[in-house]
Amino acid sequence: MSALRRLRNFWMPWVAMIVLGCFSDAAAQTSYKITDLGINNSKDNFSMAMGLNNQGWTENMDGTVNPPETSLFTTVARGRAVISIYGFNIDLGTLGKPGANSWINWGGINDFGEAVGQSETAELDPNGEDICGFGTHLICVPFLWRFGQMSALPTLGGNNGQASAINNRGEVVGYAENGPVDSTCPAGTTNNRITLPALWERGSAEALPLVGNDPDGVAFGINDRGQAVGYSGSCTAAIHAVMWKDKTAFVLQDLGGTGSNFGYAINNRGQIAGQIGTADGTTFYAAAWLNGADGAVTSLGVLPGDFAAFATGINDRGQVVGNNFDSSFNWSHGFIWQDGVMTDLNTLISADSNLFIISASNINDSGQISGMGTVQSGPHKGDIHAYLLTPEKGRMEGASMADFARTHPQSVLSANACNHSLQKLGPGRFQR
């Protein structure tokens, strides 16, 4: 813990200078240096940087998925939440017995190195639920990790929950069960309890309001003004993308579809990134609400050749990052959207990078981007590694990774691998 405190004392006086210096140059960046963050446990085969703060620290989920992964119904055998600080990895541990799992969602680390997620406990769920999604059916609770210690956050009366994001004021959002069976879940659903969007302040849990008669919801992101985003819906559908302001729910504009509408991230200007389902319900697109809940939705579309997309990161400059899927709902390309254009990040990194970017999860105010990529060669070929992109001045010279890998390699995990913690009907439910 003393090492963590020394790190914190070192970087805090320099944060403002570094961020402001990079901020002024961000618009001129046309290429990126990629840092392979690897995998903390050599026995695992994937890692994804899900959280990213303004210091370039990432919160990763490291684990083992069972290949070959060709469908949404992925088996994730093992998982741990990990913080990566300039290549120094910290396993956040678990609230369960040795060998138990912990996991994270989008936006799980703030600028003070405080992190959130969910962890298995040592107790079997009395209702047979498997919220953490590892097949253990252990009770799964939201956690806060601070100064080297993981502690459980309270639920809303039920057994399970998840902390998705934390802001610099220490406010946490996610979801928690309140106990009753969800009447909108089909018969035979494993995870069949009502889940409510939750806000934790000073250790206490409070349910955020839903829309109309919707029984369920999840909060995914929160900014430093306490504004949160997520969705309101049912056991089987994310019906409304939602912004919560002053603990009041505001429905975000969509395309008229009755599912796949999410708000994932919100910046300090109140701009929102997420996804919208098409009116016919056949697919979903990355979306941004650049004027918050008061404005129209901007469909960011999808990259040529891909089938669906969603956005999970937005910085205070309004740059958006996210993920594309192919027609089989495998992770396909990570993108950045700026100046009205969606760009494949593989076109902005060198061909010798050895990682093909299949996801972009977050972007900070200096323009750094986190996510995951497929290893192209060497002893770990085919594995998934977490990465950090750092903007470089000037245009990239030579071939890009997109030139090198015109047909991207089949990844060892499907879309579900990063969303299985939210399943009720099965893996990938919230992305179909």
Protein backbone atom coordinates (compact mmCIF):
# COMPACT_ATOMS: atom_id res chain seq x y z
CA MET A 1 0.00 0.00 0.00
CA SER A 2 2.90 2.34 0.61
CA ALA A 3 3.97 1.93 -3.04
CA LEU A 4 0.51 2.93 -4.20
CA ARG A 5 0.56 6.00 -1.98
CA ARG A 6 3.98 7.01 -3.34
CA LEU A 7 2.68 6.66 -6.90
CA ARG A 8 -0.32 8.78 -6.04
CA ASN A 9 1.79 11.49 -4.42
CA PHE A 10 4.08 11.53 -7.44
CA TRP A 11 1.53 12.00 -10.17
CA MET A 12 -1.03 14.31 -8.54
CA PRO A 13 1.02 17.55 -8.82
CA TRP A 14 1.67 16.85 -12.50
CA VAL A 15 -1.80 15.80 -13.63
CA ALA A 16 -3.08 19.23 -14.63
CA MET A 17 0.08 20.12 -16.57
CA ILE A 18 0.21 16.81 -18.45
CA VAL A 19 -3.49 16.74 -19.35
CA LEU A 20 -3.58 20.37 -20.50
CA GLY A 21 -0.45 19.93 -22.59
CA CYS A 22 -1.78 16.87 -24.36
CA PHE A 23 -5.25 18.37 -24.64
CA SER A 24 -4.03 21.24 -26.79
CA ASP A 25 -2.39 18.89 -29.27
CA ALA A 26 -5.13 16.26 -29.41
CA ALA A 27 -6.83 17.58 -32.53
CA ALA A 28 -3.58 17.35 -34.49
CA GLN A 29 -2.99 13.67 -33.73
CA THR A 30 -3.27 11.41 -36.74
CA SER A 31 -1.59 8.23 -35.53
CA TYR A 32 -1.06 6.28 -32.32
CA LYS A 33 1.66 4.39 -30.52
CA ILE A 34 0.27 1.13 -29.17
CA THR A 35 1.43 -0.41 -25.90
CA ASP A 36 0.64 -4.09 -25.40
CA LEU A 37 -0.42 -4.43 -21.75
CA GLY A 38 -0.32 -8.20 -22.00
CA ILE A 39 -2.06 -10.51 -19.56
CA ASN A 40 -1.33 -10.50 -15.83
CA ASN A 41 -1.69 -14.28 -15.39
CA SER A 42 0.37 -16.28 -17.90
CA LYS A 43 -2.21 -19.08 -17.76
CA ASP A 44 -4.96 -16.83 -19.18
CA ASN A 45 -5.63 -16.14 -22.84
CA PHE A 46 -7.32 -12.75 -22.82
CA SER A 47 -7.23 -9.33 -21.24
CA MET A 48 -9.26 -6.22 -22.03
CA ALA A 49 -8.63 -2.71 -20.74
CA MET A 50 -12.16 -1.67 -19.81
CA GLY A 51 -11.47 1.35 -17.58
CA LEU A 52 -9.08 4.24 -18.30
CA ASN A 53 -8.26 7.34 -16.27
CA ASN A 54 -6.52 10.60 -17.20
CA GLN A 55 -3.15 9.27 -16.00
CA GLY A 56 -3.23 6.44 -18.51
CA TRP A 57 -3.91 3.82 -15.85
CA THR A 58 -6.23 1.06 -17.02
CA GLU A 59 -8.54 -1.35 -15.23
CA ASN A 60 -8.41 -4.65 -17.07
CA MET A 61 -10.36 -7.83 -16.93
CA ASP A 62 -7.98 -10.74 -17.31
CA GLY A 63 -9.23 -14.26 -17.76
CA THR A 64 -9.55 -17.49 -19.64
CA VAL A 65 -12.12 -18.09 -22.35
CA ASN A 66 -12.59 -21.54 -23.81
CA PRO A 67 -11.86 -21.49 -27.56
CA PRO A 68 -12.97 -21.90 -30.21
CA GLU A 69 -15.42 -19.05 -29.64
CA THR A 70 -17.69 -18.76 -32.66
CA SER A 71 -21.01 -17.85 -31.06
CA LEU A 72 -22.37 -15.47 -28.45
CA PHE A 73 -22.59 -18.25 -25.88
CA THR A 74 -19.06 -17.90 -24.58
CA THR A 75 -17.73 -19.83 -21.60
CA VAL A 76 -15.50 -17.66 -19.43
CA ALA A 77 -13.69 -20.04 -17.12
CA ARG A 78 -11.74 -17.61 -14.93
CA GLY A 79 -11.52 -13.88 -14.42
CA ARG A 80 -9.83 -11.21 -12.34
CA ALA A 81 -9.98 -7.42 -12.15
CA VAL A 82 -6.50 -5.94 -12.63
CA ILE A 83 -5.13 -2.39 -12.61
CA SER A 84 -2.23 -1.71 -14.99
CA ILE A 85 -0.01 1.29 -14.10
CA TYR A 86 2.70 1.85 -16.73
CA GLY A 87 3.15 -1.90 -17.09
CA PHE A 88 2.96 -2.62 -13.34
CA ASN A 89 -0.06 -4.85 -12.76
CA ILE A 90 -2.08 -5.08 -9.54
CA ASP A 91 -4.46 -8.02 -9.12
CA LEU A 92 -7.41 -6.57 -7.21
CA GLY A 93 -8.26 -9.95 -5.74
CA THR A 94 -11.67 -11.25 -4.80
CA LEU A 95 -14.16 -11.29 -1.94
CA GLY A 96 -14.49 -15.06 -2.20
CA LYS A 97 -12.30 -18.04 -1.42
CA PRO A 98 -8.94 -18.51 -3.19
CA GLY A 99 -9.64 -19.14 -6.84
CA ALA A 100 -12.85 -17.11 -6.86
CA ASN A 101 -13.40 -14.56 -9.62
CA SER A 102 -13.79 -10.80 -9.94
CA TRP A 103 -14.84 -8.81 -13.00
CA ILE A 104 -15.41 -5.26 -14.22
CA ASN A 105 -17.48 -3.14 -16.58
CA TRP A 106 -16.94 0.07 -18.56
CA GLY A 107 -15.51 3.09 -16.70
CA GLY A 108 -14.34 1.32 -13.56
CA ILE A 109 -11.38 3.50 -12.46
CA ASN A 110 -11.10 7.19 -11.52
CA ASP A 111 -8.15 9.58 -11.48
CA PHE A 112 -7.29 8.66 -7.86
CA GLY A 113 -6.85 4.98 -8.71
CA GLU A 114 -10.10 3.95 -7.02
CA ALA A 115 -11.72 1.08 -8.90
CA VAL A 116 -15.04 -0.75 -8.95
CA GLY A 117 -16.48 -3.96 -10.31
CA GLN A 118 -18.09 -7.15 -9.08
CA SER A 119 -16.75 -10.14 -7.20
CA GLU A 120 -17.84 -13.61 -6.28
CA THR A 121 -18.24 -14.35 -2.59
CA ALA A 122 -17.85 -17.69 -0.82
CA GLU A 123 -21.62 -18.30 -0.64
CA LEU A 124 -23.81 -20.10 -3.14
CA ASP A 125 -26.72 -18.07 -4.43
CA PRO A 126 -29.84 -19.45 -2.71
CA ASN A 127 -31.88 -18.82 -5.87
CA GLY A 128 -29.41 -20.54 -8.18
CA GLU A 129 -28.44 -17.32 -9.98
CA ASP A 130 -25.04 -16.89 -11.64
CA ILE A 131 -24.70 -13.12 -11.97
CA CYS A 132 -20.89 -13.08 -12.20
CA GLY A 133 -21.28 -15.52 -15.09
CA PHE A 134 -18.51 -18.03 -14.38
CA GLY A 135 -20.75 -21.04 -13.87
CA THR A 136 -20.08 -21.18 -10.13
CA HIS A 137 -23.51 -19.86 -9.03
CA LEU A 138 -21.86 -17.96 -6.19
CA ILE A 139 -23.36 -14.75 -4.86
CA CYS A 140 -21.85 -11.87 -6.84
CA VAL A 141 -21.60 -8.44 -5.19
CA PRO A 142 -20.46 -4.97 -6.25
CA PHE A 143 -17.05 -3.94 -4.92
CA LEU A 144 -15.00 -0.81 -4.32
CA TRP A 145 -11.20 -1.12 -4.37
CA ARG A 146 -9.37 1.67 -2.59
CA PHE A 147 -5.80 1.87 -1.19
CA GLY A 148 -5.17 -1.81 -1.79
CA GLN A 149 -8.37 -3.09 -0.20
CA MET A 150 -11.47 -4.55 -1.86
CA SER A 151 -14.72 -4.05 0.04
CA ALA A 152 -18.28 -5.05 -0.78
CA LEU A 153 -20.89 -2.42 -1.59
CA PRO A 154 -24.46 -3.04 -0.38
CA THR A 155 -27.23 -4.21 -2.69
CA LEU A 156 -30.83 -2.96 -2.62
CA GLY A 157 -32.10 -5.91 -0.62
CA GLY A 158 -31.28 -8.75 -3.00
CA ASN A 159 -28.22 -10.95 -3.21
CA ASN A 160 -26.32 -9.64 -6.23
CA GLY A 161 -25.13 -6.53 -8.02
CA GLN A 162 -22.39 -4.83 -9.98
CA ALA A 163 -20.54 -1.52 -9.69
CA SER A 164 -19.89 -0.24 -13.20
CA ALA A 165 -18.23 3.18 -12.91
CA ILE A 166 -16.78 5.63 -10.38
CA ASN A 167 -16.21 9.37 -10.73
CA ASN A 168 -13.62 11.62 -9.11
CA ARG A 169 -16.05 12.47 -6.28
CA GLY A 170 -16.18 8.80 -5.31
CA GLU A 171 -19.76 8.33 -6.52
CA VAL A 172 -20.39 4.87 -7.94
CA VAL A 173 -23.11 3.61 -10.29
CA GLY A 174 -24.14 0.15 -11.43
CA TYR A 175 -27.03 -2.10 -10.59
CA ALA A 176 -28.29 -4.16 -7.67
CA GLU A 177 -31.03 -6.68 -7.06
CA ASN A 178 -33.83 -5.90 -4.66
CA GLY A 179 -34.99 -9.50 -4.13
CA PRO A 180 -38.30 -10.22 -5.96
CA VAL A 181 -38.60 -12.40 -9.05
CA ASP A 182 -38.80 -10.42 -12.29
CA SER A 183 -42.16 -11.22 -13.86
CA THR A 184 -40.88 -10.21 -17.31
CA CYS A 185 -38.31 -13.04 -17.38
CA PRO A 186 -39.32 -16.12 -19.39
CA ALA A 187 -39.70 -19.41 -17.56
CA GLY A 188 -36.37 -21.14 -16.98
CA THR A 189 -34.31 -17.93 -16.82
CA THR A 190 -31.34 -18.46 -14.49
CA ASN A 191 -30.85 -14.83 -13.47
CA ASN A 192 -34.45 -13.93 -12.84
CA ARG A 193 -34.48 -11.27 -10.12
CA ILE A 194 -35.32 -7.60 -10.59
CA THR A 195 -32.20 -5.49 -11.17
CA LEU A 196 -32.33 -1.76 -10.48
CA PRO A 197 -29.94 1.01 -11.52
CA ALA A 198 -28.02 1.94 -8.39
CA LEU A 199 -26.06 4.89 -7.05
CA TRP A 200 -23.63 4.48 -4.16
CA GLU A 201 -22.67 7.56 -2.17
CA ARG A 202 -20.52 7.26 0.95
CA GLY A 203 -21.18 3.53 1.02
CA SER A 204 -24.98 3.70 0.90
CA ALA A 205 -26.99 2.30 -2.02
CA GLU A 206 -29.93 4.11 -3.61
CA ALA A 207 -32.08 2.98 -6.52
CA LEU A 208 -32.28 5.38 -9.45
CA PRO A 209 -35.73 5.82 -11.02
CA LEU A 210 -36.88 3.83 -14.04
CA VAL A 211 -39.05 4.93 -16.97
CA GLY A 212 -42.79 4.36 -16.76
CA ASN A 213 -43.60 0.79 -15.74
CA ASP A 214 -40.19 -0.63 -16.64
CA PRO A 215 -39.10 -3.11 -13.95
CA ASP A 216 -35.36 -3.26 -14.63
CA GLY A 217 -32.38 -1.07 -15.42
CA VAL A 218 -28.62 -0.60 -15.20
CA ALA A 219 -26.42 2.49 -14.82
CA PHE A 220 -23.15 2.22 -16.75
CA GLY A 221 -21.42 5.60 -16.57
CA ILE A 222 -21.17 8.69 -14.35
CA ASN A 223 -19.38 12.04 -14.76
CA ASP A 224 -17.88 14.36 -12.16
CA ARG A 225 -21.13 16.32 -11.97
CA GLY A 226 -22.99 13.24 -10.73
CA GLN A 227 -24.90 12.75 -14.00
CA ALA A 228 -25.30 9.08 -14.90
CA VAL A 229 -26.34 7.08 -17.97
CA GLY A 230 -27.62 3.59 -18.63
CA TYR A 231 -30.89 2.01 -19.62
CA SER A 232 -34.40 1.28 -18.38
CA GLY A 233 -36.24 -1.79 -19.59
CA SER A 234 -37.28 -5.33 -18.84
CA CYS A 235 -35.66 -8.72 -18.30
CA THR A 236 -35.37 -9.20 -22.05
CA ALA A 237 -34.88 -5.71 -23.51
CA ALA A 238 -33.07 -2.42 -22.96
CA ILE A 239 -36.06 -0.33 -24.00
CA HIS A 240 -34.88 3.20 -23.18
CA ALA A 241 -31.44 4.76 -23.11
CA VAL A 242 -31.50 6.98 -20.02
CA MET A 243 -29.66 9.90 -18.44
CA TRP A 244 -30.11 10.52 -14.72
CA LYS A 245 -29.74 14.12 -13.57
CA ASP A 246 -30.50 15.12 -9.98
CA LYS A 247 -31.75 11.55 -9.56
CA THR A 248 -34.44 12.06 -12.23
CA ALA A 249 -34.59 9.85 -15.33
CA PHE A 250 -34.58 11.47 -18.77
CA VAL A 251 -35.19 9.30 -21.83
CA LEU A 252 -32.64 9.74 -24.61
CA GLN A 253 -33.86 9.95 -28.19
CA ASP A 254 -33.58 6.73 -30.22
CA LEU A 255 -34.63 5.34 -33.61
CA GLY A 256 -37.97 4.00 -32.46
CA GLY A 257 -36.80 0.49 -31.65
CA THR A 258 -37.92 -1.16 -28.43
CA GLY A 259 -34.58 -2.71 -27.52
CA SER A 260 -30.79 -2.30 -27.61
CA ASN A 261 -30.90 1.34 -26.45
CA PHE A 262 -28.08 2.13 -24.00
CA GLY A 263 -26.15 5.05 -22.60
CA TYR A 264 -22.67 3.81 -21.71
CA ALA A 265 -20.55 6.86 -20.94
CA ILE A 266 -21.04 10.57 -20.19
CA ASN A 267 -18.40 13.29 -20.19
CA ASN A 268 -18.25 16.38 -17.96
CA ARG A 269 -20.03 18.44 -20.64
CA GLY A 270 -23.04 16.12 -20.44
CA GLN A 271 -22.36 14.50 -23.83
CA ILE A 272 -23.25 10.82 -23.99
CA ALA A 273 -22.00 7.78 -25.93
CA GLY A 274 -23.92 4.55 -26.32
CA GLN A 275 -25.98 2.60 -28.80
CA ILE A 276 -29.39 2.63 -30.47
CA GLY A 277 -31.37 -0.27 -31.86
CA THR A 278 -32.79 0.01 -35.34
CA ALA A 279 -36.55 0.50 -35.65
CA ASP A 280 -36.96 -3.02 -37.09
CA GLY A 281 -34.90 -4.54 -34.28
CA THR A 282 -32.43 -6.27 -36.60
CA THR A 283 -29.21 -4.59 -35.41
CA PHE A 284 -27.78 -1.69 -33.42
CA TYR A 285 -25.50 1.27 -34.11
CA ALA A 286 -23.05 3.35 -32.13
CA ALA A 287 -24.68 6.59 -30.99
CA ALA A 288 -23.89 9.92 -29.38
CA TRP A 289 -26.14 12.49 -27.73
CA LEU A 290 -23.95 15.56 -28.14
CA ASN A 291 -26.46 17.86 -26.43
CA GLY A 292 -27.28 15.40 -23.69
CA ALA A 293 -30.87 14.51 -22.91
CA ASP A 294 -32.10 17.76 -24.46
CA GLY A 295 -30.88 17.01 -27.98
CA ALA A 296 -31.23 14.67 -30.89
CA VAL A 297 -29.36 11.40 -31.19
CA THR A 298 -26.49 11.16 -33.66
CA SER A 299 -26.15 7.73 -35.21
CA LEU A 300 -22.44 7.07 -35.67
CA GLY A 301 -23.25 4.13 -37.91
CA VAL A 302 -20.97 1.16 -38.46
CA LEU A 303 -17.69 0.58 -40.31
CA PRO A 304 -17.94 -0.77 -43.88
CA GLY A 305 -18.24 -4.56 -43.88
CA ASP A 306 -19.40 -4.78 -40.27
CA PHE A 307 -22.92 -5.41 -39.03
CA ALA A 308 -23.33 -3.61 -35.70
CA ALA A 309 -21.56 -1.15 -33.43
CA PHE A 310 -21.76 0.47 -30.03
CA ALA A 311 -19.85 3.27 -28.32
CA THR A 312 -18.53 3.03 -24.76
CA GLY A 313 -16.20 6.00 -24.32
CA ILE A 314 -16.36 9.78 -24.77
CA ASN A 315 -13.91 12.41 -23.53
CA ASP A 316 -14.43 16.10 -22.80
CA ARG A 317 -13.47 16.98 -26.38
CA GLY A 318 -16.38 14.92 -27.69
CA GLN A 319 -14.17 12.22 -29.22
CA VAL A 320 -16.00 8.88 -29.13
CA VAL A 321 -14.61 5.34 -29.19
CA GLY A 322 -16.30 2.00 -29.45
CA ASN A 323 -16.66 -1.39 -31.02
CA ASN A 324 -17.85 -3.00 -34.24
CA PHE A 325 -19.19 -6.52 -34.68
CA ASP A 326 -19.35 -8.74 -37.72
CA SER A 327 -22.53 -10.51 -38.85
CA SER A 328 -21.84 -13.38 -36.42
CA PHE A 329 -21.53 -10.88 -33.54
CA ASN A 330 -17.82 -11.50 -33.06
CA TRP A 331 -15.72 -8.52 -32.01
CA SER A 332 -14.43 -6.99 -35.23
CA HIS A 333 -12.83 -3.49 -35.12
CA GLY A 334 -12.27 -0.75 -32.56
CA PHE A 335 -13.09 2.74 -33.81
CA ILE A 336 -12.70 6.42 -33.04
CA TRP A 337 -15.38 8.90 -34.11
CA GLN A 338 -14.43 12.56 -34.44
CA ASP A 339 -15.38 15.41 -36.75
CA GLY A 340 -18.36 13.37 -37.90
CA VAL A 341 -16.25 10.44 -39.18
CA MET A 342 -15.88 6.89 -37.82
CA THR A 343 -12.36 5.53 -38.35
CA ASP A 344 -10.99 2.02 -37.88
CA LEU A 345 -8.20 2.38 -35.30
CA ASN A 346 -6.17 -0.25 -37.16
CA THR A 347 -5.60 2.34 -39.90
CA LEU A 348 -3.89 4.60 -37.34
CA ILE A 349 -1.31 2.17 -35.92
CA SER A 350 1.75 0.68 -37.58
CA ALA A 351 1.65 -2.70 -39.33
CA ASP A 352 4.39 -3.98 -36.99
CA SER A 353 2.27 -3.35 -33.87
CA ASN A 354 1.44 -7.09 -33.57
CA LEU A 355 -2.05 -6.32 -32.24
CA PHE A 356 -5.15 -6.08 -34.41
CA ILE A 357 -7.59 -3.84 -32.53
CA ILE A 358 -11.00 -5.48 -32.13
CA SER A 359 -12.36 -3.15 -29.44
CA ALA A 360 -11.92 0.38 -28.09
CA SER A 361 -13.44 0.79 -24.65
CA ASN A 362 -12.48 4.24 -23.35
CA ILE A 363 -10.75 7.50 -24.29
CA ASN A 364 -9.32 9.99 -21.81
CA ASP A 365 -8.91 13.75 -22.09
CA SER A 366 -5.37 13.48 -23.49
CA GLY A 367 -6.68 11.23 -26.28
CA GLN A 368 -5.31 7.92 -24.98
CA ILE A 369 -7.51 4.92 -25.83
CA SER A 370 -7.86 1.54 -24.14
CA GLY A 371 -9.30 -1.73 -25.35
CA MET A 372 -8.28 -5.16 -26.61
CA GLY A 373 -6.58 -6.61 -29.67
CA THR A 374 -5.75 -9.97 -31.21
CA VAL A 375 -2.07 -10.96 -31.09
CA GLN A 376 -0.84 -11.47 -34.66
CA SER A 377 2.33 -13.52 -34.24
CA GLY A 378 4.66 -15.13 -31.73
CA PRO A 379 3.98 -17.57 -28.89
CA HIS A 380 0.73 -15.82 -27.93
CA LYS A 381 -0.72 -15.66 -31.44
CA GLY A 382 -4.52 -15.64 -31.32
CA ASP A 383 -4.73 -14.53 -27.69
CA ILE A 384 -6.46 -11.29 -26.74
CA HIS A 385 -4.32 -8.61 -25.04
CA ALA A 386 -5.24 -5.32 -23.39
CA TYR A 387 -3.65 -2.27 -24.98
CA LEU A 388 -3.17 1.45 -24.49
CA LEU A 389 -2.97 3.82 -27.48
CA THR A 390 -1.13 7.12 -27.08
CA PRO A 391 -1.51 9.85 -29.75
CA GLU A 392 1.58 10.81 -31.74
CA LYS A 393 2.19 13.97 -33.71
CA GLY A 394 2.21 13.74 -37.48
CA ARG A 395 0.85 11.22 -39.87
CA MET A 396 1.89 7.59 -39.70
CA GLU A 397 4.39 6.54 -42.34
CA GLY A 398 4.36 3.12 -43.97
CA ALA A 399 1.75 0.38 -43.83
CA SER A 400 -0.90 0.30 -41.14
CA MET A 401 -2.23 -2.69 -39.25
CA ALA A 402 -5.34 -2.50 -41.45
CA ASP A 403 -3.08 -2.94 -44.50
CA PHE A 404 -1.30 -5.86 -42.87
CA ALA A 405 -4.47 -7.70 -41.83
CA ARG A 406 -7.07 -7.00 -44.51
CA THR A 407 -9.12 -9.91 -43.20
CA HIS A 408 -8.94 -9.71 -39.43
CA PRO A 409 -8.12 -12.93 -37.57
CA GLN A 410 -10.88 -14.82 -35.82
CA SER A 411 -10.76 -13.74 -32.19
CA VAL A 412 -10.88 -16.30 -29.39
CA LEU A 413 -13.85 -14.60 -27.78
CA SER A 414 -17.23 -13.42 -28.90
CA ALA A 415 -19.21 -10.31 -28.07
CA ASN A 416 -20.45 -11.86 -24.87
CA ALA A 417 -17.08 -12.15 -23.17
CA CYS A 418 -17.24 -8.56 -21.94
CA ASN A 419 -20.96 -8.53 -21.22
CA HIS A 420 -21.62 -11.93 -19.67
CA SER A 421 -21.96 -10.39 -16.23
CA LEU A 422 -25.29 -8.90 -17.30
CA GLN A 423 -26.91 -12.05 -18.54
CA LYS A 424 -30.37 -13.21 -17.60
CA LEU A 425 -31.37 -15.11 -20.70
CA GLY A 426 -27.85 -16.08 -21.60
CA PRO A 427 -24.57 -14.60 -22.81
CA GLY A 428 -24.82 -11.54 -24.99
CA ARG A 429 -28.46 -10.89 -24.15
CA PHE A 430 -28.03 -7.14 -23.98
CA GLN A 431 -26.26 -6.96 -27.32
CA ARG A 432 -28.74 -8.91 -29.44
